Amino acid sequence: MNYNQVFDQAIDRLHSEGRYRVFIDILRNKGQFPNARCFHGHNGPKPITVWCSNDYLTMGQHPKVISAMEDALHDVGAGSGGTRNIGGNTHYHVELEHELAELHGKEGALLFTSGYVSNDATLSTIAKLLPGCVIFSDELNHASMIAGIRNSGCPKQVFRHNDLDHLEELLAAEDPETPKLIAFESVYSMDGDVAPIHAICDLAEKYNALTYIDEVHAVGMYGEHGGGISERDEAAGRIDIIEGTLGKAFGVMGGYIAADQKIIDCIRSYAPGFIFTTSLSPALVAGVLAAVKHLKNSSEERDAQQANAASLKQKMADASLPVMQSETHIVPLMVGDPVRAKKISDILLAEYGAYVQPINFPTVPRGTERLRFTPGPAHTEEMMNDLVGALVEIWDRLDLELAEAA
């Protein structure tokens, strides 16, 4: 076996399909985001504007968050000392779990090192605990949810995206006594659409299924206190397990679930992804705790983000750019070709100092490649005008198709 040849061929395939991923070398400017410094492809740092960060509300730059992390670092040091089983529960972790449980109206919560891990560990564990469980999964679910379902070893049924009739058809075909789990997201981050939560819960109650919702692109940003779409739609009490991230709207790092205490205790006791992983650094947890507390009482960041997202969508539409319809803060711009999506991204960065990452297969289906913009509360109207002007010029330069006038 020529191992190097195999690896070379694998990378060559990505290049030939236009899917080879390039990660730019970047430093954010503290207190000045979305301004950053880029070290990619030139000598020394170049000022850029970031348009694709998942730090949706710029909480990673918030003075309360930074101060809380500094205080924790000087109080308890850098690391957690290992797993929580060995090193114990750092008190910051206990406080944050209490805040997250309260945020979602649940009895308990459990922290993980990332949103990916919380999905993988929880879905794989909960399904294994239910004898003969069948998981019903929306076809556009996150890769981490798919991994958790696969790792459970349970049979799965994939229903068409947000298609309630298809979901009911699949549920009705199962034995009424079979344990069932419906796994779906609140905000689907590539299209920016929202799940019909109450309607899914109606089906879950009708067919005696548990519900699992991924709120990673919604926590902090929707609902009166930042509890996500399930809080906004007053549906949190109907969901059995709510999963979220601490690395997007809350601006730091980590993942979690919130649920009844029995479920939390089962995951805590059985999930290898929790038991055998070093727990989050206390400084990180302290930063998240500050962010959660702040966003429970402040809608300023949420309101500004929504206003800027709506403004950018309108500016793109007015310029006949092919912006996709989205009811959330996600602003997807359709390209439909991986090579062209990468080319547009490269020109924006090199010539206009605007950074947005192309989104290609397998994140989105082939032929639907796009640029995904996430304007935040700190993006100015001048920045948006500059961006749209640059996109119009590039569209013309590359002779790309514009949207038809409404």
Protein backbone atom coordinates (compact mmCIF):
# COMPACT_ATOMS: atom_id res chain seq x y z
CA MET A 1 0.00 0.00 0.00
CA ASN A 2 1.35 3.40 -1.01
CA TYR A 3 -0.13 5.49 1.79
CA ASN A 4 1.06 8.85 0.45
CA GLN A 5 -0.55 8.13 -2.90
CA VAL A 6 -3.90 7.49 -1.24
CA PHE A 7 -3.68 10.73 0.71
CA ASP A 8 -2.59 12.69 -2.40
CA GLN A 9 -5.54 11.32 -4.36
CA ALA A 10 -7.96 12.25 -1.61
CA ILE A 11 -6.74 15.85 -1.58
CA ASP A 12 -6.62 16.01 -5.39
CA ARG A 13 -10.29 15.01 -5.51
CA LEU A 14 -11.21 17.98 -3.37
CA HIS A 15 -9.21 20.35 -5.59
CA SER A 16 -10.79 18.99 -8.76
CA GLU A 17 -14.30 19.41 -7.33
CA GLY A 18 -13.59 22.92 -6.06
CA ARG A 19 -14.14 21.76 -2.48
CA TYR A 20 -10.64 22.09 -1.02
CA ARG A 21 -10.99 24.14 2.15
CA VAL A 22 -8.65 27.04 2.90
CA PHE A 23 -8.65 28.53 6.40
CA ILE A 24 -7.44 32.11 6.50
CA ASP A 25 -4.93 33.31 9.08
CA ILE A 26 -6.72 35.95 11.13
CA LEU A 27 -6.74 37.90 14.40
CA ARG A 28 -9.81 39.75 15.59
CA ASN A 29 -9.32 43.25 17.00
CA LYS A 30 -10.51 43.31 20.60
CA GLY A 31 -13.38 45.72 21.03
CA GLN A 32 -13.49 46.58 17.32
CA PHE A 33 -15.14 43.53 15.76
CA PRO A 34 -16.05 42.98 12.88
CA ASN A 35 -12.68 44.59 12.14
CA ALA A 36 -9.83 42.08 12.10
CA ARG A 37 -6.30 41.51 10.81
CA CYS A 38 -5.60 38.97 8.09
CA PHE A 39 -2.18 37.38 7.58
CA HIS A 40 -3.25 35.20 4.65
CA GLY A 41 -1.46 35.58 1.31
CA HIS A 42 0.57 38.71 2.00
CA ASN A 43 3.34 40.07 4.20
CA GLY A 44 2.13 41.32 7.54
CA PRO A 45 -1.42 41.95 8.73
CA LYS A 46 -4.03 43.49 6.43
CA PRO A 47 -7.20 45.08 7.83
CA ILE A 48 -10.39 43.22 6.88
CA THR A 49 -14.08 43.16 7.76
CA VAL A 50 -15.47 39.79 8.86
CA TRP A 51 -18.90 38.86 7.44
CA CYS A 52 -19.23 35.17 8.35
CA SER A 53 -18.55 34.90 12.06
CA ASN A 54 -20.85 32.80 14.23
CA ASP A 55 -20.11 35.15 17.12
CA TYR A 56 -23.47 36.51 16.08
CA LEU A 57 -23.90 39.17 18.77
CA THR A 58 -20.19 40.03 19.23
CA MET A 59 -20.36 38.76 22.82
CA GLY A 60 -16.83 37.41 22.43
CA GLN A 61 -15.75 41.06 22.53
CA HIS A 62 -18.09 42.22 25.29
CA PRO A 63 -16.35 43.91 28.28
CA LYS A 64 -18.40 41.86 30.78
CA VAL A 65 -17.30 38.60 29.17
CA ILE A 66 -13.63 39.54 28.95
CA SER A 67 -13.60 40.84 32.53
CA ALA A 68 -15.25 37.68 33.86
CA MET A 69 -12.70 35.50 32.08
CA GLU A 70 -9.79 37.56 33.40
CA ASP A 71 -11.16 37.40 36.95
CA ALA A 72 -11.61 33.62 36.76
CA LEU A 73 -8.14 33.11 35.32
CA HIS A 74 -6.56 35.01 38.20
CA ASP A 75 -8.84 33.34 40.75
CA VAL A 76 -8.51 29.64 39.84
CA GLY A 77 -5.91 29.38 37.07
CA ALA A 78 -6.09 28.14 33.50
CA GLY A 79 -7.33 24.55 33.45
CA SER A 80 -10.11 22.52 35.01
CA GLY A 81 -7.85 19.71 36.22
CA GLY A 82 -9.33 16.97 34.07
CA THR A 83 -12.72 15.33 33.78
CA ARG A 84 -15.43 16.37 36.19
CA ASN A 85 -15.44 12.84 37.57
CA ILE A 86 -11.76 13.18 38.52
CA GLY A 87 -11.21 16.92 38.95
CA GLY A 88 -14.60 17.67 40.46
CA ASN A 89 -17.23 20.20 39.49
CA THR A 90 -15.62 23.62 39.25
CA HIS A 91 -18.21 25.92 40.78
CA TYR A 92 -18.42 28.00 37.59
CA HIS A 93 -19.73 24.90 35.79
CA VAL A 94 -22.44 24.41 38.43
CA GLU A 95 -23.51 28.05 38.17
CA LEU A 96 -23.65 28.00 34.39
CA GLU A 97 -25.69 24.79 34.28
CA HIS A 98 -28.16 26.38 36.69
CA GLU A 99 -28.42 29.48 34.46
CA LEU A 100 -28.94 27.41 31.31
CA ALA A 101 -31.58 25.21 32.93
CA GLU A 102 -33.42 28.35 34.06
CA LEU A 103 -33.06 29.91 30.60
CA HIS A 104 -34.94 27.02 29.02
CA GLY A 105 -37.36 26.32 31.89
CA LYS A 106 -35.86 22.88 32.57
CA GLU A 107 -34.88 21.06 35.75
CA GLY A 108 -31.25 20.65 34.77
CA ALA A 109 -28.53 21.23 32.21
CA LEU A 110 -25.22 19.59 31.32
CA LEU A 111 -22.09 21.17 29.82
CA PHE A 112 -19.97 19.66 27.04
CA THR A 113 -16.77 20.82 25.36
CA SER A 114 -18.58 21.79 22.14
CA GLY A 115 -21.97 21.78 20.46
CA TYR A 116 -20.77 18.95 18.24
CA VAL A 117 -19.96 16.82 21.26
CA SER A 118 -23.24 17.61 23.02
CA ASN A 119 -25.21 16.43 19.97
CA ASP A 120 -23.09 13.36 19.34
CA ALA A 121 -22.91 12.27 22.99
CA THR A 122 -26.54 12.92 23.88
CA LEU A 123 -28.21 11.46 20.81
CA SER A 124 -26.05 8.35 20.78
CA THR A 125 -26.55 7.77 24.51
CA ILE A 126 -30.27 8.49 24.88
CA ALA A 127 -31.15 6.21 21.96
CA LYS A 128 -29.06 3.34 23.34
CA LEU A 129 -30.93 3.60 26.65
CA LEU A 130 -34.29 3.14 24.90
CA PRO A 131 -34.65 -0.52 23.78
CA GLY A 132 -35.48 -0.72 20.08
CA CYS A 133 -35.57 3.07 19.68
CA VAL A 134 -36.17 4.52 16.21
CA ILE A 135 -34.90 8.04 15.54
CA PHE A 136 -36.76 10.36 13.16
CA SER A 137 -34.34 12.92 11.75
CA ASP A 138 -34.93 15.98 9.56
CA GLU A 139 -32.94 15.61 6.35
CA LEU A 140 -31.12 18.94 6.91
CA ASN A 141 -29.91 18.20 10.43
CA HIS A 142 -26.37 19.14 11.47
CA ALA A 143 -23.47 16.75 10.82
CA SER A 144 -23.07 16.38 14.61
CA MET A 145 -26.68 15.21 14.96
CA ILE A 146 -26.19 12.75 12.13
CA ALA A 147 -23.02 11.47 13.84
CA GLY A 148 -24.85 10.99 17.14
CA ILE A 149 -27.69 9.12 15.45
CA ARG A 150 -25.23 6.92 13.58
CA ASN A 151 -23.23 6.22 16.73
CA SER A 152 -26.36 5.17 18.59
CA GLY A 153 -26.61 2.13 16.31
CA CYS A 154 -30.40 2.59 16.24
CA PRO A 155 -32.54 2.48 13.10
CA LYS A 156 -33.38 5.93 11.75
CA GLN A 157 -36.04 7.39 9.51
CA VAL A 158 -35.15 10.59 7.64
CA PHE A 159 -38.10 12.87 6.93
CA ARG A 160 -38.16 15.54 4.26
CA HIS A 161 -37.17 18.96 5.57
CA ASN A 162 -39.93 20.45 7.73
CA ASP A 163 -42.43 18.11 6.01
CA LEU A 164 -45.01 17.29 8.67
CA ASP A 165 -47.01 14.96 6.44
CA HIS A 166 -43.92 12.87 5.72
CA LEU A 167 -42.95 12.81 9.40
CA GLU A 168 -46.41 11.62 10.39
CA GLU A 169 -46.39 8.97 7.69
CA LEU A 170 -43.13 7.57 9.09
CA LEU A 171 -44.32 7.76 12.71
CA ALA A 172 -47.60 6.03 11.92
CA ALA A 173 -45.78 3.16 10.20
CA GLU A 174 -43.97 2.19 13.42
CA ASP A 175 -45.33 -0.08 16.13
CA PRO A 176 -47.07 2.14 18.73
CA GLU A 177 -44.99 0.46 21.46
CA THR A 178 -41.66 1.26 19.78
CA PRO A 179 -39.66 4.02 21.55
CA LYS A 180 -39.36 7.02 19.23
CA LEU A 181 -37.21 10.16 19.19
CA ILE A 182 -37.76 13.09 16.81
CA ALA A 183 -34.55 15.09 16.23
CA PHE A 184 -34.68 18.46 14.49
CA GLU A 185 -33.28 22.00 14.56
CA SER A 186 -34.96 25.32 15.30
CA VAL A 187 -32.98 27.49 12.84
CA TYR A 188 -31.39 25.76 9.86
CA SER A 189 -28.20 27.72 9.38
CA MET A 190 -27.62 27.35 5.64
CA ASP A 191 -31.09 28.42 4.46
CA GLY A 192 -32.12 30.43 7.51
CA ASP A 193 -35.56 28.85 7.84
CA VAL A 194 -37.32 27.73 11.03
CA ALA A 195 -38.90 24.47 12.16
CA PRO A 196 -42.65 24.29 12.94
CA ILE A 197 -41.95 23.37 16.56
CA HIS A 198 -45.51 23.19 17.89
CA ALA A 199 -46.67 21.06 14.97
CA ILE A 200 -43.78 18.64 15.50
CA CYS A 201 -44.61 18.48 19.20
CA ASP A 202 -48.24 17.73 18.32
CA LEU A 203 -47.07 14.72 16.32
CA ALA A 204 -44.71 13.66 19.11
CA GLU A 205 -47.58 13.66 21.59
CA LYS A 206 -49.88 11.83 19.17
CA TYR A 207 -47.35 9.05 18.55
CA ASN A 208 -45.70 9.04 21.99
CA ALA A 209 -42.27 10.22 20.81
CA LEU A 210 -39.56 12.15 22.65
CA THR A 211 -38.40 15.44 21.09
CA TYR A 212 -34.83 16.70 20.69
CA ILE A 213 -34.23 20.20 19.32
CA ASP A 214 -30.90 21.71 18.27
CA GLU A 215 -31.03 25.45 19.05
CA VAL A 216 -27.38 26.29 18.36
CA HIS A 217 -28.19 28.98 15.77
CA ALA A 218 -30.95 30.48 17.91
CA VAL A 219 -29.92 30.56 21.59
CA GLY A 220 -29.07 34.06 22.71
CA MET A 221 -30.74 35.57 19.64
CA TYR A 222 -34.43 34.74 19.89
CA GLY A 223 -36.91 34.87 22.73
CA GLU A 224 -37.30 37.52 25.40
CA HIS A 225 -34.33 36.15 27.36
CA GLY A 226 -32.35 34.52 24.56
CA GLY A 227 -33.80 31.04 25.05
CA GLY A 228 -34.07 30.51 21.30
CA ILE A 229 -36.97 29.86 18.94
CA SER A 230 -38.52 27.49 21.48
CA GLU A 231 -38.75 30.39 23.95
CA ARG A 232 -39.95 32.83 21.29
CA ASP A 233 -42.70 30.44 20.21
CA GLU A 234 -43.52 29.43 23.81
CA ALA A 235 -42.72 25.81 23.01
CA ALA A 236 -39.80 25.04 25.33
CA GLY A 237 -42.06 23.25 27.82
CA ARG A 238 -43.12 20.80 25.12
CA ILE A 239 -39.55 19.81 24.13
CA ASP A 240 -37.88 16.97 26.05
CA ILE A 241 -34.25 17.86 25.28
CA ILE A 242 -32.98 21.29 24.18
CA GLU A 243 -29.40 21.41 22.89
CA GLY A 244 -27.39 24.58 22.40
CA THR A 245 -23.93 25.99 21.90
CA LEU A 246 -21.84 28.44 23.90
CA GLY A 247 -19.59 29.32 20.95
CA LYS A 248 -21.99 31.30 18.75
CA ALA A 249 -24.31 33.96 20.20
CA PHE A 250 -22.77 33.54 23.66
CA GLY A 251 -19.38 34.22 22.12
CA VAL A 252 -17.05 31.76 23.85
CA MET A 253 -16.89 27.93 23.58
CA GLY A 254 -18.78 24.80 24.58
CA GLY A 255 -22.12 23.05 24.22
CA TYR A 256 -24.93 21.90 26.50
CA ILE A 257 -28.27 20.21 26.86
CA ALA A 258 -31.21 21.19 29.07
CA ALA A 259 -33.87 18.68 30.11
CA ASP A 260 -35.61 17.00 33.04
CA GLN A 261 -33.20 15.97 35.77
CA LYS A 262 -33.65 12.24 35.08
CA ILE A 263 -32.52 12.68 31.49
CA ILE A 264 -29.60 14.86 32.56
CA ASP A 265 -28.53 12.26 35.11
CA CYS A 266 -28.67 9.48 32.49
CA ILE A 267 -26.51 11.41 30.02
CA ARG A 268 -24.10 12.45 32.77
CA SER A 269 -23.77 8.85 33.90
CA TYR A 270 -23.67 7.01 30.57
CA ALA A 271 -22.28 9.31 27.84
CA PRO A 272 -18.57 8.64 27.11
CA GLY A 273 -18.36 12.05 25.41
CA PHE A 274 -19.06 13.63 28.77
CA ILE A 275 -17.49 11.21 31.22
CA PHE A 276 -14.06 10.83 29.63
CA THR A 277 -13.42 14.38 28.37
CA THR A 278 -11.56 17.11 30.21
CA SER A 279 -14.12 19.71 31.22
CA LEU A 280 -14.11 23.25 29.90
CA SER A 281 -11.59 25.69 31.35
CA PRO A 282 -13.12 27.67 34.24
CA ALA A 283 -12.16 30.91 32.48
CA LEU A 284 -14.22 29.92 29.44
CA VAL A 285 -17.18 28.94 31.60
CA ALA A 286 -16.99 32.22 33.51
CA GLY A 287 -17.09 34.12 30.22
CA VAL A 288 -20.14 32.21 29.03
CA LEU A 289 -21.84 32.73 32.38
CA ALA A 290 -21.41 36.49 31.99
CA ALA A 291 -22.75 36.35 28.43
CA VAL A 292 -25.84 34.30 29.36
CA LYS A 293 -26.67 36.58 32.28
CA HIS A 294 -26.24 39.68 30.12
CA LEU A 295 -28.38 38.41 27.23
CA LYS A 296 -31.13 37.29 29.61
CA ASN A 297 -31.67 40.96 30.43
CA SER A 298 -30.56 42.80 27.28
CA SER A 299 -32.30 42.77 23.91
CA GLU A 300 -30.10 45.53 22.48
CA GLU A 301 -27.74 43.12 20.73
CA ARG A 302 -30.58 40.94 19.39
CA ASP A 303 -32.50 43.92 18.04
CA ALA A 304 -29.44 45.41 16.32
CA GLN A 305 -28.54 42.08 14.73
CA GLN A 306 -32.04 41.55 13.35
CA ALA A 307 -32.14 45.10 11.99
CA ASN A 308 -28.78 44.69 10.25
CA ALA A 309 -29.70 41.32 8.79
CA ALA A 310 -32.91 42.75 7.36
CA SER A 311 -31.04 45.75 5.99
CA LEU A 312 -28.38 43.66 4.25
CA LYS A 313 -31.00 41.37 2.69
CA GLN A 314 -32.84 44.40 1.33
CA LYS A 315 -29.70 46.03 -0.03
CA MET A 316 -28.75 42.81 -1.82
CA ALA A 317 -32.24 42.40 -3.23
CA ASP A 318 -32.30 46.02 -4.41
CA ALA A 319 -29.01 45.36 -6.24
CA SER A 320 -30.56 42.27 -7.94
CA LEU A 321 -28.09 39.97 -6.20
CA PRO A 322 -29.49 36.41 -5.77
CA VAL A 323 -30.07 36.62 -2.00
CA MET A 324 -32.11 33.68 -0.75
CA GLN A 325 -35.30 34.22 1.23
CA SER A 326 -34.61 33.84 4.95
CA GLU A 327 -36.78 34.55 7.97
CA THR A 328 -33.83 34.70 10.36
CA HIS A 329 -30.46 36.43 10.79
CA ILE A 330 -28.83 34.20 8.14
CA VAL A 331 -28.20 35.96 4.80
CA PRO A 332 -27.39 33.33 2.12
CA LEU A 333 -26.32 34.49 -1.36
CA MET A 334 -26.79 31.79 -3.98
CA VAL A 335 -23.93 31.03 -6.39
CA GLY A 336 -24.63 27.44 -7.43
CA ASP A 337 -21.07 26.46 -8.28
CA PRO A 338 -18.18 25.63 -5.91
CA VAL A 339 -15.39 27.09 -8.06
CA ARG A 340 -17.21 30.37 -8.57
CA ALA A 341 -18.17 30.59 -4.89
CA LYS A 342 -14.49 30.24 -3.96
CA LYS A 343 -13.49 32.77 -6.63
CA ILE A 344 -15.93 35.37 -5.32
CA SER A 345 -14.70 34.80 -1.78
CA ASP A 346 -11.06 35.16 -2.87
CA ILE A 347 -11.70 38.43 -4.72
CA LEU A 348 -13.66 39.89 -1.81
CA LEU A 349 -10.80 39.18 0.56
CA ALA A 350 -7.88 40.13 -1.68
CA GLU A 351 -9.32 43.24 -3.30
CA TYR A 352 -11.99 44.52 -0.94
CA GLY A 353 -10.87 43.31 2.49
CA ALA A 354 -14.21 41.57 3.06
CA TYR A 355 -14.08 38.04 4.45
CA VAL A 356 -16.85 35.54 3.82
CA GLN A 357 -16.31 31.80 3.52
CA PRO A 358 -17.87 29.87 0.60
CA ILE A 359 -20.25 27.10 1.63
CA ASN A 360 -19.90 23.96 -0.51
CA PHE A 361 -20.87 20.28 -0.50
CA PRO A 362 -21.32 18.38 1.80
CA THR A 363 -22.49 21.27 3.98
CA VAL A 364 -25.06 22.08 1.30
CA PRO A 365 -26.24 19.94 -1.66
CA ARG A 366 -24.24 20.12 -4.89
CA GLY A 367 -25.50 22.90 -7.14
CA THR A 368 -26.58 25.07 -4.19
CA GLU A 369 -23.14 26.41 -3.23
CA ARG A 370 -23.39 29.84 -1.67
CA LEU A 371 -21.85 32.62 0.37
CA ARG A 372 -23.34 32.84 3.86
CA PHE A 373 -23.31 36.28 5.49
CA THR A 374 -24.03 36.83 9.17
CA PRO A 375 -24.23 40.58 9.85
CA GLY A 376 -24.02 41.41 13.53
CA PRO A 377 -24.90 44.39 15.70
CA ALA A 378 -21.56 46.09 15.01
CA HIS A 379 -21.73 46.05 11.19
CA THR A 380 -22.40 49.59 9.97
CA GLU A 381 -24.48 50.79 7.04
CA GLU A 382 -21.26 51.98 5.37
CA MET A 383 -19.81 48.47 5.67
CA MET A 384 -22.96 46.98 4.14
CA ASN A 385 -22.96 49.48 1.26
CA ASP A 386 -19.30 48.74 0.55
CA LEU A 387 -19.96 45.00 0.59
CA VAL A 388 -22.94 45.17 -1.75
CA GLY A 389 -21.02 47.45 -4.12
CA ALA A 390 -18.14 44.98 -4.20
CA LEU A 391 -20.48 42.06 -4.88
CA VAL A 392 -22.17 43.90 -7.75
CA GLU A 393 -18.79 44.60 -9.34
CA ILE A 394 -17.65 40.98 -8.95
CA TRP A 395 -20.95 39.62 -10.32
CA ASP A 396 -20.46 41.80 -13.39
CA ARG A 397 -16.78 40.90 -13.74
CA LEU A 398 -17.46 37.17 -13.62
CA ASP A 399 -20.60 37.50 -15.76
CA LEU A 400 -22.75 35.83 -13.12
CA GLU A 401 -26.52 35.68 -13.27
CA LEU A 402 -28.44 38.33 -11.34
CA ALA A 403 -31.80 37.81 -9.70
CA GLU A 404 -34.94 38.66 -11.63
CA ALA A 405 -36.67 41.83 -10.56
CA ALA A 406 -39.53 41.20 -8.15
